[in-house]
Amino acid sequence: MLLFFTARLIFFVDFFLLLFLIFLMARLTFFTVFLMAFVTFFTPFLMLLPSFFAAFFGFVFDFLRFFLEPIHKMTARIGIGVRVVTAINVAVLTPWVIEGTSVRIGL
């Protein structure tokens, strides 16, 4: 019963939202309506952005640590030292890599 009520509520909310958008389409400029429709359509995707960035940067840092760890394993004695040295390596190497890439592609 609750599921049926929730489904009807969602239907009516969507129905009135659609009527409201049609009303706005008649009253507002094209850009405003396009912007509202864009935001309405992409809201679920925007909600996924934080988890996407967390997964992406987690993968990037794991990837970098995998390649940078052997370089400084002899200098780092404990696990936290490995992470600190890796962070320093990433902080030092990243601008160098970005600058070299921008020079190579002519920016």
N, C-alpha and C. Protein backbone atom coordinates (compact mmCIF):
# COMPACT_ATOMS: atom_id res chain seq x y z
N MET A 1 0.83 -1.20 0.00
CA MET A 1 0.00 0.00 0.00
C MET A 1 0.87 1.26 0.00
N LEU A 2 1.91 1.23 0.83
CA LEU A 2 2.82 2.38 0.89
C LEU A 2 3.54 2.56 -0.45
N LEU A 3 3.94 1.45 -1.05
CA LEU A 3 4.61 1.51 -2.36
C LEU A 3 3.67 2.09 -3.41
N PHE A 4 2.42 1.67 -3.40
CA PHE A 4 1.45 2.20 -4.35
C PHE A 4 1.24 3.69 -4.15
N PHE A 5 1.13 4.11 -2.89
CA PHE A 5 0.96 5.54 -2.58
C PHE A 5 2.18 6.34 -3.03
N THR A 6 3.38 5.80 -2.76
CA THR A 6 4.61 6.48 -3.16
C THR A 6 4.70 6.61 -4.68
N ALA A 7 4.35 5.54 -5.39
CA ALA A 7 4.39 5.58 -6.85
C ALA A 7 3.41 6.63 -7.39
N ARG A 8 2.21 6.69 -6.82
CA ARG A 8 1.24 7.70 -7.27
C ARG A 8 1.73 9.11 -6.96
N LEU A 9 2.32 9.28 -5.79
CA LEU A 9 2.85 10.59 -5.41
C LEU A 9 3.95 11.03 -6.37
N ILE A 10 4.87 10.12 -6.68
CA ILE A 10 5.95 10.45 -7.62
C ILE A 10 5.37 10.78 -8.99
N PHE A 11 4.34 10.02 -9.42
CA PHE A 11 3.73 10.30 -10.72
C PHE A 11 3.12 11.71 -10.74
N PHE A 12 2.38 12.06 -9.70
CA PHE A 12 1.74 13.38 -9.68
C PHE A 12 2.76 14.51 -9.58
N VAL A 13 3.81 14.29 -8.79
CA VAL A 13 4.86 15.31 -8.70
C VAL A 13 5.51 15.50 -10.07
N ASP A 14 5.85 14.40 -10.74
CA ASP A 14 6.43 14.50 -12.08
C ASP A 14 5.45 15.13 -13.06
N PHE A 15 4.18 14.78 -12.95
CA PHE A 15 3.18 15.33 -13.87
C PHE A 15 3.06 16.85 -13.71
N PHE A 16 2.99 17.30 -12.45
CA PHE A 16 2.88 18.74 -12.23
C PHE A 16 4.18 19.47 -12.55
N LEU A 17 5.31 18.79 -12.35
CA LEU A 17 6.58 19.38 -12.75
C LEU A 17 6.61 19.56 -14.27
N LEU A 18 6.11 18.58 -15.00
CA LEU A 18 6.06 18.69 -16.46
C LEU A 18 5.12 19.83 -16.88
N LEU A 19 3.96 19.94 -16.24
CA LEU A 19 3.07 21.06 -16.55
C LEU A 19 3.71 22.40 -16.24
N PHE A 20 4.42 22.45 -15.13
CA PHE A 20 5.11 23.68 -14.76
C PHE A 20 6.17 24.05 -15.80
N LEU A 21 6.92 23.04 -16.27
CA LEU A 21 7.93 23.30 -17.30
C LEU A 21 7.30 23.77 -18.60
N ILE A 22 6.15 23.20 -18.96
CA ILE A 22 5.45 23.64 -20.17
C ILE A 22 4.99 25.09 -20.01
N PHE A 23 4.48 25.42 -18.83
CA PHE A 23 4.07 26.79 -18.56
C PHE A 23 5.27 27.74 -18.67
N LEU A 24 6.40 27.33 -18.09
CA LEU A 24 7.59 28.17 -18.16
C LEU A 24 8.09 28.30 -19.60
N MET A 25 7.94 27.24 -20.36
CA MET A 25 8.39 27.28 -21.75
C MET A 25 7.63 28.37 -22.52
N ALA A 26 6.37 28.54 -22.16
CA ALA A 26 5.59 29.57 -22.83
C ALA A 26 5.94 30.97 -22.33
N ARG A 27 6.50 31.06 -21.14
CA ARG A 27 6.72 32.37 -20.53
C ARG A 27 8.18 32.84 -20.55
N LEU A 28 9.11 31.92 -20.51
CA LEU A 28 10.51 32.30 -20.35
C LEU A 28 11.29 32.13 -21.65
N THR A 29 12.50 32.61 -21.61
CA THR A 29 13.34 32.47 -22.80
C THR A 29 13.76 31.02 -22.97
N PHE A 30 14.23 30.72 -24.16
CA PHE A 30 14.65 29.34 -24.47
C PHE A 30 15.80 28.91 -23.58
N PHE A 31 16.73 29.81 -23.33
CA PHE A 31 17.91 29.45 -22.55
C PHE A 31 17.53 29.04 -21.13
N THR A 32 16.63 29.78 -20.52
CA THR A 32 16.23 29.47 -19.14
C THR A 32 15.56 28.11 -19.07
N VAL A 33 14.66 27.85 -20.02
CA VAL A 33 13.97 26.55 -20.03
C VAL A 33 14.97 25.43 -20.31
N PHE A 34 15.89 25.67 -21.23
CA PHE A 34 16.91 24.67 -21.52
C PHE A 34 17.75 24.38 -20.29
N LEU A 35 18.11 25.45 -19.57
CA LEU A 35 18.92 25.29 -18.37
C LEU A 35 18.16 24.49 -17.30
N MET A 36 16.89 24.79 -17.12
CA MET A 36 16.10 24.06 -16.13
C MET A 36 15.95 22.59 -16.51
N ALA A 37 15.69 22.34 -17.79
CA ALA A 37 15.57 20.94 -18.23
C ALA A 37 16.90 20.22 -18.09
N PHE A 38 17.98 20.91 -18.39
CA PHE A 38 19.31 20.31 -18.27
C PHE A 38 19.60 19.93 -16.82
N VAL A 39 19.33 20.86 -15.90
CA VAL A 39 19.57 20.58 -14.48
C VAL A 39 18.66 19.45 -13.99
N THR A 40 17.39 19.48 -14.41
CA THR A 40 16.46 18.44 -14.00
C THR A 40 16.90 17.07 -14.49
N PHE A 41 17.35 17.03 -15.74
CA PHE A 41 17.75 15.75 -16.32
C PHE A 41 19.05 15.22 -15.72
N PHE A 42 20.01 16.13 -15.45
CA PHE A 42 21.32 15.69 -15.01
C PHE A 42 21.49 15.63 -13.50
N THR A 43 20.45 15.92 -12.73
CA THR A 43 20.57 15.86 -11.27
C THR A 43 21.03 14.49 -10.78
N PRO A 44 20.49 13.38 -11.28
CA PRO A 44 21.01 12.08 -10.79
C PRO A 44 22.49 11.88 -11.10
N PHE A 45 22.92 12.38 -12.27
CA PHE A 45 24.33 12.23 -12.61
C PHE A 45 25.21 13.11 -11.74
N LEU A 46 24.70 14.31 -11.39
CA LEU A 46 25.45 15.19 -10.51
C LEU A 46 25.61 14.57 -9.13
N MET A 47 24.61 13.80 -8.70
CA MET A 47 24.71 13.15 -7.40
C MET A 47 25.79 12.07 -7.40
N LEU A 48 26.11 11.53 -8.58
CA LEU A 48 27.13 10.49 -8.67
C LEU A 48 28.55 11.04 -8.76
N LEU A 49 28.68 12.35 -9.01
CA LEU A 49 30.01 12.93 -9.20
C LEU A 49 30.96 12.72 -8.01
N PRO A 50 30.53 12.94 -6.77
CA PRO A 50 31.50 12.73 -5.68
C PRO A 50 32.06 11.33 -5.63
N SER A 51 31.20 10.31 -5.82
CA SER A 51 31.71 8.94 -5.79
C SER A 51 32.60 8.66 -7.00
N PHE A 52 32.27 9.29 -8.15
CA PHE A 52 33.12 9.10 -9.32
C PHE A 52 34.52 9.68 -9.07
N PHE A 53 34.55 10.91 -8.52
CA PHE A 53 35.85 11.53 -8.27
C PHE A 53 36.63 10.76 -7.21
N ALA A 54 35.93 10.26 -6.19
CA ALA A 54 36.63 9.48 -5.16
C ALA A 54 37.24 8.23 -5.78
N ALA A 55 36.47 7.53 -6.62
CA ALA A 55 37.00 6.32 -7.25
C ALA A 55 38.14 6.66 -8.21
N PHE A 56 37.97 7.73 -8.98
CA PHE A 56 38.98 8.10 -9.97
C PHE A 56 40.30 8.48 -9.30
N PHE A 57 40.23 9.37 -8.30
CA PHE A 57 41.47 9.79 -7.66
C PHE A 57 42.07 8.68 -6.82
N GLY A 58 41.23 7.83 -6.24
CA GLY A 58 41.76 6.67 -5.54
C GLY A 58 42.55 5.78 -6.48
N PHE A 59 42.01 5.57 -7.68
CA PHE A 59 42.72 4.76 -8.68
C PHE A 59 44.02 5.44 -9.09
N VAL A 60 43.96 6.76 -9.33
CA VAL A 60 45.16 7.50 -9.77
C VAL A 60 46.26 7.42 -8.72
N PHE A 61 45.91 7.65 -7.45
CA PHE A 61 46.94 7.64 -6.42
C PHE A 61 47.47 6.24 -6.17
N ASP A 62 46.59 5.23 -6.26
CA ASP A 62 47.09 3.86 -6.14
C ASP A 62 48.03 3.53 -7.29
N PHE A 63 47.68 3.98 -8.48
CA PHE A 63 48.51 3.74 -9.67
C PHE A 63 49.87 4.42 -9.50
N LEU A 64 49.86 5.69 -9.07
CA LEU A 64 51.12 6.41 -8.86
C LEU A 64 51.95 5.77 -7.75
N ARG A 65 51.29 5.38 -6.68
CA ARG A 65 52.03 4.77 -5.57
C ARG A 65 52.66 3.45 -6.00
N PHE A 66 51.96 2.71 -6.86
CA PHE A 66 52.49 1.43 -7.33
C PHE A 66 53.81 1.64 -8.07
N PHE A 67 53.89 2.73 -8.85
CA PHE A 67 55.12 2.97 -9.62
C PHE A 67 56.17 3.74 -8.82
N LEU A 68 55.74 4.57 -7.87
CA LEU A 68 56.70 5.39 -7.13
C LEU A 68 57.25 4.67 -5.90
N GLU A 69 56.52 3.67 -5.42
CA GLU A 69 56.95 3.01 -4.19
C GLU A 69 58.33 2.37 -4.31
N PRO A 70 58.64 1.64 -5.37
CA PRO A 70 59.98 1.02 -5.44
C PRO A 70 61.11 2.04 -5.40
N ILE A 71 60.84 3.28 -5.87
CA ILE A 71 61.88 4.29 -5.94
C ILE A 71 62.35 4.67 -4.54
N HIS A 72 61.43 4.82 -3.63
CA HIS A 72 61.82 5.31 -2.31
C HIS A 72 61.62 4.28 -1.21
N LYS A 73 61.47 3.00 -1.58
CA LYS A 73 61.26 1.99 -0.54
C LYS A 73 62.48 1.86 0.37
N MET A 74 63.65 2.13 -0.18
CA MET A 74 64.85 2.01 0.63
C MET A 74 64.95 3.14 1.66
N THR A 75 64.38 4.30 1.35
CA THR A 75 64.48 5.42 2.28
C THR A 75 63.37 5.42 3.31
N ALA A 76 62.22 4.83 2.99
CA ALA A 76 61.09 4.84 3.93
C ALA A 76 61.11 3.56 4.75
N ARG A 77 61.13 3.70 6.06
CA ARG A 77 61.23 2.53 6.94
C ARG A 77 59.88 2.01 7.40
N ILE A 78 58.88 2.87 7.47
CA ILE A 78 57.57 2.43 7.95
C ILE A 78 56.50 2.80 6.93
N GLY A 79 55.32 2.24 7.09
CA GLY A 79 54.25 2.45 6.11
C GLY A 79 53.86 3.91 5.95
N ILE A 80 53.82 4.65 7.05
CA ILE A 80 53.44 6.06 6.95
C ILE A 80 54.51 6.83 6.20
N GLY A 81 55.77 6.42 6.35
CA GLY A 81 56.84 7.05 5.59
C GLY A 81 56.67 6.84 4.10
N VAL A 82 56.21 5.64 3.72
CA VAL A 82 55.96 5.36 2.31
C VAL A 82 54.91 6.32 1.77
N ARG A 83 53.86 6.53 2.54
CA ARG A 83 52.79 7.41 2.06
C ARG A 83 53.25 8.87 1.99
N VAL A 84 54.01 9.30 2.97
CA VAL A 84 54.49 10.68 2.97
C VAL A 84 55.43 10.92 1.80
N VAL A 85 56.35 10.01 1.58
CA VAL A 85 57.30 10.18 0.47
C VAL A 85 56.57 10.09 -0.86
N THR A 86 55.58 9.21 -0.95
CA THR A 86 54.79 9.13 -2.19
C THR A 86 54.06 10.44 -2.44
N ALA A 87 53.47 11.02 -1.40
CA ALA A 87 52.78 12.30 -1.56
C ALA A 87 53.74 13.39 -2.01
N ILE A 88 54.96 13.38 -1.44
CA ILE A 88 55.96 14.38 -1.86
C ILE A 88 56.35 14.15 -3.32
N ASN A 89 56.55 12.89 -3.69
CA ASN A 89 56.90 12.59 -5.08
C ASN A 89 55.81 13.04 -6.03
N VAL A 90 54.54 12.77 -5.68
CA VAL A 90 53.43 13.19 -6.53
C VAL A 90 53.37 14.70 -6.62
N ALA A 91 53.56 15.39 -5.47
CA ALA A 91 53.49 16.85 -5.46
C ALA A 91 54.62 17.46 -6.29
N VAL A 92 55.79 16.82 -6.29
CA VAL A 92 56.92 17.36 -7.04
C VAL A 92 56.82 16.99 -8.51
N LEU A 93 56.43 15.76 -8.80
CA LEU A 93 56.44 15.28 -10.19
C LEU A 93 55.24 15.76 -10.99
N THR A 94 54.08 15.95 -10.35
CA THR A 94 52.88 16.30 -11.11
C THR A 94 53.02 17.61 -11.88
N PRO A 95 53.49 18.71 -11.27
CA PRO A 95 53.66 19.94 -12.07
C PRO A 95 54.66 19.76 -13.20
N TRP A 96 55.70 18.96 -12.93
CA TRP A 96 56.72 18.72 -13.96
C TRP A 96 56.12 17.96 -15.14
N VAL A 97 55.30 16.95 -14.84
CA VAL A 97 54.65 16.17 -15.90
C VAL A 97 53.67 17.05 -16.67
N ILE A 98 52.87 17.86 -15.95
CA ILE A 98 51.90 18.74 -16.61
C ILE A 98 52.62 19.75 -17.49
N GLU A 99 53.70 20.33 -16.95
CA GLU A 99 54.44 21.33 -17.73
C GLU A 99 55.07 20.68 -18.96
N GLY A 100 55.65 19.50 -18.79
CA GLY A 100 56.24 18.81 -19.94
C GLY A 100 55.20 18.45 -20.98
N THR A 101 54.02 18.03 -20.54
CA THR A 101 52.95 17.69 -21.48
C THR A 101 52.48 18.93 -22.21
N SER A 102 52.31 20.04 -21.49
CA SER A 102 51.84 21.26 -22.14
C SER A 102 52.88 21.78 -23.12
N VAL A 103 54.17 21.61 -22.81
CA VAL A 103 55.21 22.03 -23.75
C VAL A 103 55.18 21.15 -24.99
N ARG A 104 54.97 19.86 -24.79
CA ARG A 104 54.97 18.94 -25.93
C ARG A 104 53.79 19.18 -26.86
N ILE A 105 52.62 19.54 -26.29
CA ILE A 105 51.47 19.77 -27.18
C ILE A 105 51.35 21.22 -27.60
N GLY A 106 52.29 22.05 -27.16
CA GLY A 106 52.37 23.41 -27.67
C GLY A 106 51.53 24.43 -26.93
N LEU A 107 51.24 24.20 -25.65
CA LEU A 107 50.47 25.19 -24.89
C LEU A 107 51.39 26.16 -24.19
